[in-house]
Amino acid sequence: MAMATARRTALPDGTTIRLIAAPEFIATKLVEVIIAVVDGRSELFEELNTGRGLG
């Protein structure tokens, strides 16, 4: 959705880029963080299902 709603903007040097709105930008960052936490951590799903690791 972020790229579908992006708007074209010209930089001072004439280069055109596509900007996404702030809420979509923040959402993409949150997704990146979730992927970084989950990636390669198979025990996370067990911890979530059993409630282990909650302190």
Protein backbone atom coordinates (compact mmCIF):
# COMPACT_ATOMS: atom_id res chain seq x y z
CA MET A 1 0.00 0.00 0.00
CA ALA A 2 2.83 2.41 0.76
CA MET A 3 4.12 2.43 -2.79
CA ALA A 4 0.62 2.54 -4.25
CA THR A 5 -0.08 5.79 -2.40
CA ALA A 6 3.38 7.32 -2.82
CA ARG A 7 3.59 10.73 -4.42
CA ARG A 8 6.30 11.91 -6.78
CA THR A 9 8.46 14.75 -5.51
CA ALA A 10 11.29 16.60 -7.23
CA LEU A 11 14.52 17.19 -5.32
CA PRO A 12 16.42 20.47 -5.74
CA ASP A 13 18.77 18.85 -8.27
CA GLY A 14 15.81 17.75 -10.40
CA THR A 15 15.84 14.10 -9.38
CA THR A 16 12.33 12.74 -8.91
CA ILE A 17 11.62 10.40 -6.01
CA ARG A 18 8.50 8.79 -4.61
CA LEU A 19 7.58 9.66 -1.03
CA ILE A 20 5.30 7.62 1.15
CA ALA A 21 3.17 9.22 3.86
CA ALA A 22 4.42 9.21 7.44
CA PRO A 23 1.94 6.58 8.74
CA GLU A 24 2.95 4.15 5.99
CA PHE A 25 6.63 4.85 6.65
CA ILE A 26 6.20 4.09 10.35
CA ALA A 27 4.30 0.90 9.51
CA THR A 28 7.13 -0.31 7.27
CA LYS A 29 9.62 0.31 10.09
CA LEU A 30 7.46 -1.64 12.56
CA VAL A 31 7.30 -4.54 10.11
CA GLU A 32 11.10 -4.46 9.75
CA VAL A 33 11.51 -4.62 13.53
CA ILE A 34 9.11 -7.55 13.84
CA ILE A 35 10.93 -9.43 11.08
CA ALA A 36 14.29 -8.76 12.75
CA VAL A 37 13.03 -10.14 16.08
CA VAL A 38 11.33 -13.22 14.62
CA ASP A 39 13.92 -14.10 11.96
CA GLY A 40 15.89 -17.15 12.96
CA ARG A 41 14.33 -17.46 16.40
CA SER A 42 12.30 -20.63 16.26
CA GLU A 43 11.83 -20.76 20.05
CA LEU A 44 9.87 -17.50 19.95
CA PHE A 45 6.70 -19.25 18.76
CA GLU A 46 6.91 -21.76 21.62
CA GLU A 47 7.44 -18.92 24.10
CA LEU A 48 4.42 -17.08 22.73
CA ASN A 49 2.23 -20.19 22.91
CA THR A 50 3.27 -21.19 26.42
CA GLY A 51 3.71 -17.79 28.00
CA ARG A 52 7.33 -18.56 28.88
CA GLY A 53 9.70 -15.63 28.95
CA LEU A 54 7.22 -13.25 30.51
CA GLY A 55 9.39 -12.78 33.57
